[in-house]
Every structure is written in C-alpha cells, then in structure tokens.
Amino acid sequence: MAHTSARSSKTKKARKGLHIMTDFELANLGDGEVAYIKVLTSAEAKQMFPAIEGLPKNINLFSLHGADGTPIALTDTIQAAVGHAMEDELAIASLH
C-alpha cells in the first residue's frame, strides 16, 4: 500500500503545476486547424443538418466537424469527408 500512496502523492504534486483547461479553451483547441469525422445515421444527420432535405434512409453518412464540434460538411463517403478536410487544410484528429 505504501507504494500506491507514494505514486498518488507524486501525481498530486505534478498536477499542481498544470493548467486546467476551461470548457471554452478546450472547445477552441485546434480551431481552424483540426477536424474530426463522425459516422451518423440518416436520422442523426437530419437532426444535425436540418436544412438538408431528401437524405436517404437507413445508411450511414459522414460528417466533418471542427475541433469545437461545429458541423462543417455532410457526405455519403468517408473519402469525401477526408477530401473536404484536405481542401480546407484541416488536420483530422482520431477520436476514441
């Protein structure tokens, strides 16, 4: 048990010098430089992109989002989403 508490103590000391990001700072991290691609059902896509009409049903679509989560584009292929990111010179971040 002594080993565990020593490690915990080191972690607490290391955290003291760290800056905790605010929600605003996290949302703007990579803004204009980083994007991610999300797989959506047609129902999810309709909610996220209400202005788009005639979405096919029962297929997956791919949405490109800015680092802050702002939807940028909706496509029917992953390749098109990647291409859109490349055109906008956005690095694609991997989400897990």
PDB file of N, CA and C in Angstrom:
ATOM      1  N   MET A   1       0.801  -1.197   0.000  1.00  0.00           N
ATOM      2  CA  MET A   1       0.000   0.000   0.000  1.00  0.00           C
ATOM      3  C   MET A   1       0.843   1.260   0.000  1.00  0.00           C
ATOM      4  N   ALA A   2       2.003   1.227   0.611  1.00  0.00           N
ATOM      5  CA  ALA A   2       2.852   2.418   0.674  1.00  0.00           C
ATOM      6  C   ALA A   2       3.251   2.863  -0.722  1.00  0.00           C
ATOM      7  N   HIS A   3       3.478   1.909  -1.622  1.00  0.00           N
ATOM      8  CA  HIS A   3       3.868   2.244  -2.992  1.00  0.00           C
ATOM      9  C   HIS A   3       2.745   3.007  -3.708  1.00  0.00           C
ATOM     10  N   THR A   4       1.522   2.586  -3.507  1.00  0.00           N
ATOM     11  CA  THR A   4       0.377   3.233  -4.136  1.00  0.00           C
ATOM     12  C   THR A   4       0.222   4.665  -3.656  1.00  0.00           C
ATOM     13  N   SER A   5       0.331   4.886  -2.358  1.00  0.00           N
ATOM     14  CA  SER A   5       0.157   6.246  -1.845  1.00  0.00           C
ATOM     15  C   SER A   5       1.325   7.141  -2.250  1.00  0.00           C
ATOM     16  N   ALA A   6       2.527   6.590  -2.395  1.00  0.00           N
ATOM     17  CA  ALA A   6       3.661   7.388  -2.855  1.00  0.00           C
ATOM     18  C   ALA A   6       3.426   7.846  -4.291  1.00  0.00           C
ATOM     19  N   ARG A   7       2.899   6.951  -5.122  1.00  0.00           N
ATOM     20  CA  ARG A   7       2.609   7.312  -6.504  1.00  0.00           C
ATOM     21  C   ARG A   7       1.517   8.374  -6.545  1.00  0.00           C
ATOM     22  N   SER A   8       0.508   8.217  -5.729  1.00  0.00           N
ATOM     23  CA  SER A   8      -0.583   9.175  -5.657  1.00  0.00           C
ATOM     24  C   SER A   8      -0.063  10.544  -5.242  1.00  0.00           C
ATOM     25  N   SER A   9       0.847  10.567  -4.300  1.00  0.00           N
ATOM     26  CA  SER A   9       1.437  11.816  -3.836  1.00  0.00           C
ATOM     27  C   SER A   9       2.216  12.501  -4.962  1.00  0.00           C
ATOM     28  N   LYS A  10       2.969  11.719  -5.743  1.00  0.00           N
ATOM     29  CA  LYS A  10       3.721  12.277  -6.869  1.00  0.00           C
ATOM     30  C   LYS A  10       2.776  12.864  -7.906  1.00  0.00           C
ATOM     31  N   THR A  11       1.684  12.163  -8.183  1.00  0.00           N
ATOM     32  CA  THR A  11       0.706  12.638  -9.158  1.00  0.00           C
ATOM     33  C   THR A  11       0.105  13.958  -8.715  1.00  0.00           C
ATOM     34  N   LYS A  12      -0.245  14.074  -7.447  1.00  0.00           N
ATOM     35  CA  LYS A  12      -0.825  15.317  -6.933  1.00  0.00           C
ATOM     36  C   LYS A  12       0.160  16.461  -7.066  1.00  0.00           C
ATOM     37  N   LYS A  13       1.443  16.197  -6.763  1.00  0.00           N
ATOM     38  CA  LYS A  13       2.458  17.250  -6.878  1.00  0.00           C
ATOM     39  C   LYS A  13       2.621  17.674  -8.331  1.00  0.00           C
ATOM     40  N   ALA A  14       2.602  16.713  -9.257  1.00  0.00           N
ATOM     41  CA  ALA A  14       2.766  17.032 -10.676  1.00  0.00           C
ATOM     42  C   ALA A  14       1.597  17.863 -11.186  1.00  0.00           C
ATOM     43  N   ARG A  15       0.400  17.608 -10.703  1.00  0.00           N
ATOM     44  CA  ARG A  15      -0.784  18.331 -11.155  1.00  0.00           C
ATOM     45  C   ARG A  15      -0.806  19.774 -10.694  1.00  0.00           C
ATOM     46  N   LYS A  16      -0.117  20.088  -9.622  1.00  0.00           N
ATOM     47  CA  LYS A  16      -0.135  21.457  -9.105  1.00  0.00           C
ATOM     48  C   LYS A  16       0.378  22.454 -10.125  1.00  0.00           C
ATOM     49  N   GLY A  17       1.346  22.074 -10.944  1.00  0.00           N
ATOM     50  CA  GLY A  17       1.907  22.985 -11.929  1.00  0.00           C
ATOM     51  C   GLY A  17       1.157  23.005 -13.245  1.00  0.00           C
ATOM     52  N   LEU A  18       0.148  22.169 -13.400  1.00  0.00           N
ATOM     53  CA  LEU A  18      -0.593  22.088 -14.650  1.00  0.00           C
ATOM     54  C   LEU A  18      -1.733  23.093 -14.688  1.00  0.00           C
ATOM     55  N   HIS A  19      -2.008  23.567 -15.878  1.00  0.00           N
ATOM     56  CA  HIS A  19      -3.144  24.459 -16.101  1.00  0.00           C
ATOM     57  C   HIS A  19      -4.340  23.601 -16.491  1.00  0.00           C
ATOM     58  N   ILE A  20      -5.429  23.720 -15.804  1.00  0.00           N
ATOM     59  CA  ILE A  20      -6.653  23.014 -16.144  1.00  0.00           C
ATOM     60  C   ILE A  20      -7.392  23.865 -17.175  1.00  0.00           C
ATOM     61  N   MET A  21      -7.682  23.258 -18.327  1.00  0.00           N
ATOM     62  CA  MET A  21      -8.344  23.992 -19.403  1.00  0.00           C
ATOM     63  C   MET A  21      -9.820  24.212 -19.072  1.00  0.00           C
ATOM     64  N   THR A  22     -10.303  25.384 -19.426  1.00  0.00           N
ATOM     65  CA  THR A  22     -11.724  25.666 -19.291  1.00  0.00           C
ATOM     66  C   THR A  22     -12.461  24.995 -20.450  1.00  0.00           C
ATOM     67  N   ASP A  23     -13.775  24.897 -20.346  1.00  0.00           N
ATOM     68  CA  ASP A  23     -14.574  24.342 -21.442  1.00  0.00           C
ATOM     69  C   ASP A  23     -14.366  25.164 -22.713  1.00  0.00           C
ATOM     70  N   PHE A  24     -14.274  26.479 -22.571  1.00  0.00           N
ATOM     71  CA  PHE A  24     -14.067  27.360 -23.723  1.00  0.00           C
ATOM     72  C   PHE A  24     -12.722  27.085 -24.385  1.00  0.00           C
ATOM     73  N   GLU A  25     -11.668  26.950 -23.577  1.00  0.00           N
ATOM     74  CA  GLU A  25     -10.345  26.673 -24.122  1.00  0.00           C
ATOM     75  C   GLU A  25     -10.313  25.324 -24.837  1.00  0.00           C
ATOM     76  N   LEU A  26     -10.950  24.325 -24.246  1.00  0.00           N
ATOM     77  CA  LEU A  26     -10.985  23.005 -24.855  1.00  0.00           C
ATOM     78  C   LEU A  26     -11.747  23.048 -26.175  1.00  0.00           C
ATOM     79  N   ALA A  27     -12.852  23.757 -26.203  1.00  0.00           N
ATOM     80  CA  ALA A  27     -13.658  23.854 -27.421  1.00  0.00           C
ATOM     81  C   ALA A  27     -12.903  24.540 -28.548  1.00  0.00           C
ATOM     82  N   ASN A  28     -12.019  25.464 -28.213  1.00  0.00           N
ATOM     83  CA  ASN A  28     -11.283  26.209 -29.230  1.00  0.00           C
ATOM     84  C   ASN A  28      -9.914  25.631 -29.539  1.00  0.00           C
ATOM     85  N   LEU A  29      -9.576  24.524 -28.910  1.00  0.00           N
ATOM     86  CA  LEU A  29      -8.305  23.869 -29.168  1.00  0.00           C
ATOM     87  C   LEU A  29      -8.267  23.413 -30.618  1.00  0.00           C
ATOM     88  N   GLY A  30      -7.311  23.871 -31.366  1.00  0.00           N
ATOM     89  CA  GLY A  30      -7.183  23.470 -32.763  1.00  0.00           C
ATOM     90  C   GLY A  30      -8.189  24.121 -33.681  1.00  0.00           C
ATOM     91  N   ASP A  31      -8.911  25.126 -33.209  1.00  0.00           N
ATOM     92  CA  ASP A  31      -9.938  25.772 -34.017  1.00  0.00           C
ATOM     93  C   ASP A  31      -9.349  26.268 -35.332  1.00  0.00           C
ATOM     94  N   GLY A  32      -9.963  25.872 -36.424  1.00  0.00           N
ATOM     95  CA  GLY A  32      -9.492  26.285 -37.742  1.00  0.00           C
ATOM     96  C   GLY A  32      -8.339  25.457 -38.262  1.00  0.00           C
ATOM     97  N   GLU A  33      -7.848  24.497 -37.467  1.00  0.00           N
ATOM     98  CA  GLU A  33      -6.715  23.676 -37.883  1.00  0.00           C
ATOM     99  C   GLU A  33      -6.996  22.184 -37.789  1.00  0.00           C
ATOM    100  N   VAL A  34      -7.870  21.807 -36.873  1.00  0.00           N
ATOM    101  CA  VAL A  34      -8.126  20.395 -36.600  1.00  0.00           C
ATOM    102  C   VAL A  34      -9.611  20.101 -36.782  1.00  0.00           C
ATOM    103  N   ALA A  35      -9.892  18.926 -37.330  1.00  0.00           N
ATOM    104  CA  ALA A  35     -11.276  18.492 -37.507  1.00  0.00           C
ATOM    105  C   ALA A  35     -11.370  17.009 -37.191  1.00  0.00           C
ATOM    106  N   TYR A  36     -12.593  16.534 -37.067  1.00  0.00           N
ATOM    107  CA  TYR A  36     -12.811  15.107 -36.912  1.00  0.00           C
ATOM    108  C   TYR A  36     -14.006  14.688 -37.744  1.00  0.00           C
ATOM    109  N   ILE A  37     -14.060  13.406 -38.061  1.00  0.00           N
ATOM    110  CA  ILE A  37     -15.143  12.847 -38.863  1.00  0.00           C
ATOM    111  C   ILE A  37     -15.961  11.931 -37.972  1.00  0.00           C
ATOM    112  N   LYS A  38     -17.258  12.054 -38.088  1.00  0.00           N
ATOM    113  CA  LYS A  38     -18.169  11.266 -37.272  1.00  0.00           C
ATOM    114  C   LYS A  38     -19.134  10.518 -38.191  1.00  0.00           C
ATOM    115  N   VAL A  39     -19.389   9.259 -37.877  1.00  0.00           N
ATOM    116  CA  VAL A  39     -20.370   8.475 -38.620  1.00  0.00           C
ATOM    117  C   VAL A  39     -21.740   8.742 -38.010  1.00  0.00           C
ATOM    118  N   LEU A  40     -22.707   9.052 -38.870  1.00  0.00           N
ATOM    119  CA  LEU A  40     -24.066   9.355 -38.425  1.00  0.00           C
ATOM    120  C   LEU A  40     -25.073   8.478 -39.153  1.00  0.00           C
ATOM    121  N   THR A  41     -26.142   8.139 -38.477  1.00  0.00           N
ATOM    122  CA  THR A  41     -27.277   7.536 -39.165  1.00  0.00           C
ATOM    123  C   THR A  41     -27.982   8.662 -39.910  1.00  0.00           C
ATOM    124  N   SER A  42     -28.852   8.313 -40.832  1.00  0.00           N
ATOM    125  CA  SER A  42     -29.574   9.367 -41.557  1.00  0.00           C
ATOM    126  C   SER A  42     -30.451  10.183 -40.609  1.00  0.00           C
ATOM    127  N   ALA A  43     -30.998   9.542 -39.563  1.00  0.00           N
ATOM    128  CA  ALA A  43     -31.818  10.272 -38.580  1.00  0.00           C
ATOM    129  C   ALA A  43     -30.963  11.271 -37.797  1.00  0.00           C
ATOM    130  N   GLU A  44     -29.763  10.859 -37.391  1.00  0.00           N
ATOM    131  CA  GLU A  44     -28.867  11.775 -36.670  1.00  0.00           C
ATOM    132  C   GLU A  44     -28.445  12.923 -37.577  1.00  0.00           C
ATOM    133  N   ALA A  45     -28.177  12.610 -38.838  1.00  0.00           N
ATOM    134  CA  ALA A  45     -27.764  13.641 -39.796  1.00  0.00           C
ATOM    135  C   ALA A  45     -28.879  14.665 -39.997  1.00  0.00           C
ATOM    136  N   LYS A  46     -30.108  14.203 -40.059  1.00  0.00           N
ATOM    137  CA  LYS A  46     -31.246  15.121 -40.235  1.00  0.00           C
ATOM    138  C   LYS A  46     -31.361  16.084 -39.059  1.00  0.00           C
ATOM    139  N   GLN A  47     -31.095  15.598 -37.834  1.00  0.00           N
ATOM    140  CA  GLN A  47     -31.128  16.474 -36.659  1.00  0.00           C
ATOM    141  C   GLN A  47     -29.979  17.472 -36.683  1.00  0.00           C
ATOM    142  N   MET A  48     -28.811  17.023 -37.095  1.00  0.00           N
ATOM    143  CA  MET A  48     -27.634  17.889 -37.073  1.00  0.00           C
ATOM    144  C   MET A  48     -27.621  18.879 -38.243  1.00  0.00           C
ATOM    145  N   PHE A  49     -28.195  18.459 -39.378  1.00  0.00           N
ATOM    146  CA  PHE A  49     -28.224  19.290 -40.583  1.00  0.00           C
ATOM    147  C   PHE A  49     -29.680  19.437 -41.050  1.00  0.00           C
ATOM    148  N   PRO A  50     -30.515  20.156 -40.299  1.00  0.00           N
ATOM    149  CA  PRO A  50     -31.952  20.221 -40.603  1.00  0.00           C
ATOM    150  C   PRO A  50     -32.281  20.856 -41.960  1.00  0.00           C
ATOM    151  N   ALA A  51     -31.381  21.662 -42.498  1.00  0.00           N
ATOM    152  CA  ALA A  51     -31.653  22.334 -43.775  1.00  0.00           C
ATOM    153  C   ALA A  51     -31.515  21.384 -44.971  1.00  0.00           C
ATOM    154  N   ILE A  52     -30.851  20.262 -44.783  1.00  0.00           N
ATOM    155  CA  ILE A  52     -30.654  19.318 -45.883  1.00  0.00           C
ATOM    156  C   ILE A  52     -31.897  18.437 -46.001  1.00  0.00           C
ATOM    157  N   GLU A  53     -32.474  18.443 -47.183  1.00  0.00           N
ATOM    158  CA  GLU A  53     -33.678  17.647 -47.419  1.00  0.00           C
ATOM    159  C   GLU A  53     -33.358  16.442 -48.281  1.00  0.00           C
ATOM    160  N   GLY A  54     -34.202  15.432 -48.189  1.00  0.00           N
ATOM    161  CA  GLY A  54     -34.071  14.263 -49.050  1.00  0.00           C
ATOM    162  C   GLY A  54     -32.932  13.329 -48.701  1.00  0.00           C
ATOM    163  N   LEU A  55     -32.531  13.295 -47.429  1.00  0.00           N
ATOM    164  CA  LEU A  55     -31.460  12.377 -47.044  1.00  0.00           C
ATOM    165  C   LEU A  55     -31.940  10.937 -47.194  1.00  0.00           C
ATOM    166  N   PRO A  56     -31.101  10.080 -47.784  1.00  0.00           N
ATOM    167  CA  PRO A  56     -31.501   8.679 -47.895  1.00  0.00           C
ATOM    168  C   PRO A  56     -31.623   8.054 -46.511  1.00  0.00           C
ATOM    169  N   LYS A  57     -32.545   7.111 -46.374  1.00  0.00           N
ATOM    170  CA  LYS A  57     -32.767   6.467 -45.083  1.00  0.00           C
ATOM    171  C   LYS A  57     -31.953   5.181 -44.987  1.00  0.00           C
ATOM    172  N   ASN A  58     -31.685   4.792 -43.745  1.00  0.00           N
ATOM    173  CA  ASN A  58     -31.026   3.520 -43.438  1.00  0.00           C
ATOM    174  C   ASN A  58     -29.623   3.367 -44.020  1.00  0.00           C
ATOM    175  N   ILE A  59     -28.902   4.471 -44.114  1.00  0.00           N
ATOM    176  CA  ILE A  59     -27.493   4.398 -44.497  1.00  0.00           C
ATOM    177  C   ILE A  59     -26.686   5.242 -43.521  1.00  0.00           C
ATOM    178  N   ASN A  60     -25.408   4.956 -43.470  1.00  0.00           N
ATOM    179  CA  ASN A  60     -24.509   5.784 -42.667  1.00  0.00           C
ATOM    180  C   ASN A  60     -24.016   6.941 -43.518  1.00  0.00           C
ATOM    181  N   LEU A  61     -23.920   8.078 -42.884  1.00  0.00           N
ATOM    182  CA  LEU A  61     -23.363   9.271 -43.519  1.00  0.00           C
ATOM    183  C   LEU A  61     -22.161   9.711 -42.694  1.00  0.00           C
ATOM    184  N   PHE A  62     -21.351  10.606 -43.251  1.00  0.00           N
ATOM    185  CA  PHE A  62     -20.129  11.038 -42.594  1.00  0.00           C
ATOM    186  C   PHE A  62     -20.146  12.557 -42.467  1.00  0.00           C
ATOM    187  N   SER A  63     -20.000  13.031 -41.238  1.00  0.00           N
ATOM    188  CA  SER A  63     -19.989  14.472 -41.015  1.00  0.00           C
ATOM    189  C   SER A  63     -18.597  14.910 -40.585  1.00  0.00           C
ATOM    190  N   LEU A  64     -18.182  16.012 -41.150  1.00  0.00           N
ATOM    191  CA  LEU A  64     -16.903  16.632 -40.801  1.00  0.00           C
ATOM    192  C   LEU A  64     -17.209  17.741 -39.813  1.00  0.00           C
ATOM    193  N   HIS A  65     -16.487  17.750 -38.687  1.00  0.00           N
ATOM    194  CA  HIS A  65     -16.705  18.735 -37.628  1.00  0.00           C
ATOM    195  C   HIS A  65     -15.409  19.461 -37.311  1.00  0.00           C
ATOM    196  N   GLY A  66     -15.529  20.748 -36.984  1.00  0.00           N
ATOM    197  CA  GLY A  66     -14.392  21.499 -36.486  1.00  0.00           C
ATOM    198  C   GLY A  66     -14.025  21.001 -35.099  1.00  0.00           C
ATOM    199  N   ALA A  67     -12.864  21.385 -34.629  1.00  0.00           N
ATOM    200  CA  ALA A  67     -12.386  20.944 -33.314  1.00  0.00           C
ATOM    201  C   ALA A  67     -13.372  21.268 -32.201  1.00  0.00           C
ATOM    202  N   ASP A  68     -14.144  22.333 -32.371  1.00  0.00           N
ATOM    203  CA  ASP A  68     -15.118  22.724 -31.345  1.00  0.00           C
ATOM    204  C   ASP A  68     -16.454  22.003 -31.488  1.00  0.00           C
ATOM    205  N   GLY A  69     -16.557  21.094 -32.473  1.00  0.00           N
ATOM    206  CA  GLY A  69     -17.781  20.330 -32.681  1.00  0.00           C
ATOM    207  C   GLY A  69     -18.728  20.921 -33.708  1.00  0.00           C
ATOM    208  N   THR A  70     -18.392  22.076 -34.256  1.00  0.00           N
ATOM    209  CA  THR A  70     -19.239  22.706 -35.257  1.00  0.00           C
ATOM    210  C   THR A  70     -19.289  21.851 -36.528  1.00  0.00           C
ATOM    211  N   PRO A  71     -20.488  21.487 -36.991  1.00  0.00           N
ATOM    212  CA  PRO A  71     -20.583  20.718 -38.234  1.00  0.00           C
ATOM    213  C   PRO A  71     -20.114  21.550 -39.423  1.00  0.00           C
ATOM    214  N   ILE A  72     -19.286  20.940 -40.260  1.00  0.00           N
ATOM    215  CA  ILE A  72     -18.752  21.638 -41.435  1.00  0.00           C
ATOM    216  C   ILE A  72     -19.365  21.093 -42.721  1.00  0.00           C
ATOM    217  N   ALA A  73     -19.434  19.765 -42.820  1.00  0.00           N
ATOM    218  CA  ALA A  73     -19.921  19.152 -44.059  1.00  0.00           C
ATOM    219  C   ALA A  73     -20.538  17.800 -43.762  1.00  0.00           C
ATOM    220  N   LEU A  74     -21.429  17.382 -44.650  1.00  0.00           N
ATOM    221  CA  LEU A  74     -22.058  16.065 -44.567  1.00  0.00           C
ATOM    222  C   LEU A  74     -21.862  15.384 -45.910  1.00  0.00           C
ATOM    223  N   THR A  75     -21.363  14.153 -45.878  1.00  0.00           N
ATOM    224  CA  THR A  75     -21.109  13.419 -47.115  1.00  0.00           C
ATOM    225  C   THR A  75     -21.608  11.983 -46.990  1.00  0.00           C
ATOM    226  N   ASP A  76     -21.611  11.296 -48.132  1.00  0.00           N
ATOM    227  CA  ASP A  76     -22.030   9.898 -48.111  1.00  0.00           C
ATOM    228  C   ASP A  76     -20.852   8.929 -48.122  1.00  0.00           C
ATOM    229  N   THR A  77     -19.628   9.461 -48.198  1.00  0.00           N
ATOM    230  CA  THR A  77     -18.451   8.590 -48.145  1.00  0.00           C
ATOM    231  C   THR A  77     -17.388   9.198 -47.231  1.00  0.00           C
ATOM    232  N   ILE A  78     -16.615   8.330 -46.626  1.00  0.00           N
ATOM    233  CA  ILE A  78     -15.505   8.788 -45.776  1.00  0.00           C
ATOM    234  C   ILE A  78     -14.469   9.531 -46.621  1.00  0.00           C
ATOM    235  N   GLN A  79     -14.276   9.071 -47.857  1.00  0.00           N
ATOM    236  CA  GLN A  79     -13.293   9.707 -48.749  1.00  0.00           C
ATOM    237  C   GLN A  79     -13.665  11.158 -49.035  1.00  0.00           C
ATOM    238  N   ALA A  80     -14.953  11.418 -49.223  1.00  0.00           N
ATOM    239  CA  ALA A  80     -15.395  12.791 -49.483  1.00  0.00           C
ATOM    240  C   ALA A  80     -15.180  13.670 -48.256  1.00  0.00           C
ATOM    241  N   ALA A  81     -15.424  13.126 -47.074  1.00  0.00           N
ATOM    242  CA  ALA A  81     -15.206  13.891 -45.843  1.00  0.00           C
ATOM    243  C   ALA A  81     -13.726  14.216 -45.673  1.00  0.00           C
ATOM    244  N   VAL A  82     -12.868  13.234 -45.925  1.00  0.00           N
ATOM    245  CA  VAL A  82     -11.417  13.460 -45.846  1.00  0.00           C
ATOM    246  C   VAL A  82     -10.990  14.491 -46.886  1.00  0.00           C
ATOM    247  N   GLY A  83     -11.523  14.367 -48.094  1.00  0.00           N
ATOM    248  CA  GLY A  83     -11.195  15.326 -49.153  1.00  0.00           C
ATOM    249  C   GLY A  83     -11.591  16.743 -48.778  1.00  0.00           C
ATOM    250  N   HIS A  84     -12.745  16.899 -48.170  1.00  0.00           N
ATOM    251  CA  HIS A  84     -13.192  18.228 -47.729  1.00  0.00           C
ATOM    252  C   HIS A  84     -12.241  18.792 -46.685  1.00  0.00           C
ATOM    253  N   ALA A  85     -11.812  17.951 -45.753  1.00  0.00           N
ATOM    254  CA  ALA A  85     -10.855  18.394 -44.725  1.00  0.00           C
ATOM    255  C   ALA A  85      -9.547  18.833 -45.373  1.00  0.00           C
ATOM    256  N   MET A  86      -9.088  18.059 -46.342  1.00  0.00           N
ATOM    257  CA  MET A  86      -7.831  18.394 -47.018  1.00  0.00           C
ATOM    258  C   MET A  86      -7.947  19.715 -47.780  1.00  0.00           C
ATOM    259  N   GLU A  87      -9.084  19.932 -48.449  1.00  0.00           N
ATOM    260  CA  GLU A  87      -9.299  21.186 -49.171  1.00  0.00           C
ATOM    261  C   GLU A  87      -9.252  22.387 -48.238  1.00  0.00           C
ATOM    262  N   ASP A  88      -9.759  22.200 -47.030  1.00  0.00           N
ATOM    263  CA  ASP A  88      -9.763  23.277 -46.032  1.00  0.00           C
ATOM    264  C   ASP A  88      -8.490  23.298 -45.198  1.00  0.00           C
ATOM    265  N   GLU A  89      -7.527  22.460 -45.565  1.00  0.00           N
ATOM    266  CA  GLU A  89      -6.250  22.362 -44.858  1.00  0.00           C
ATOM    267  C   GLU A  89      -6.427  22.086 -43.369  1.00  0.00           C
ATOM    268  N   LEU A  90      -7.330  21.143 -43.072  1.00  0.00           N
ATOM    269  CA  LEU A  90      -7.597  20.740 -41.702  1.00  0.00           C
ATOM    270  C   LEU A  90      -6.927  19.397 -41.426  1.00  0.00           C
ATOM    271  N   ALA A  91      -6.264  19.289 -40.292  1.00  0.00           N
ATOM    272  CA  ALA A  91      -5.720  18.009 -39.856  1.00  0.00           C
ATOM    273  C   ALA A  91      -6.860  17.209 -39.234  1.00  0.00           C
ATOM    274  N   ILE A  92      -6.928  15.933 -39.542  1.00  0.00           N
ATOM    275  CA  ILE A  92      -8.002  15.103 -38.993  1.00  0.00           C
ATOM    276  C   ILE A  92      -7.515  14.424 -37.727  1.00  0.00           C
ATOM    277  N   ALA A  93      -8.228  14.668 -36.653  1.00  0.00           N
ATOM    278  CA  ALA A  93      -7.896  14.059 -35.373  1.00  0.00           C
ATOM    279  C   ALA A  93      -8.645  12.749 -35.237  1.00  0.00           C
ATOM    280  N   SER A  94      -8.001  11.783 -34.631  1.00  0.00           N
ATOM    281  CA  SER A  94      -8.633  10.495 -34.370  1.00  0.00           C
ATOM    282  C   SER A  94      -9.321  10.554 -33.017  1.00  0.00           C
ATOM    283  N   LEU A  95     -10.568  10.137 -32.969  1.00  0.00           N
ATOM    284  CA  LEU A  95     -11.320  10.110 -31.720  1.00  0.00           C
ATOM    285  C   LEU A  95     -11.504   8.683 -31.285  1.00  0.00           C
ATOM    286  N   HIS A  96     -11.427   8.472 -29.995  1.00  0.00           N
ATOM    287  CA  HIS A  96     -11.614   7.107 -29.475  1.00  0.00           C
ATOM    288  C   HIS A  96     -12.696   7.106 -28.441  1.00  0.00           C
TER     289      HIS A  96
END
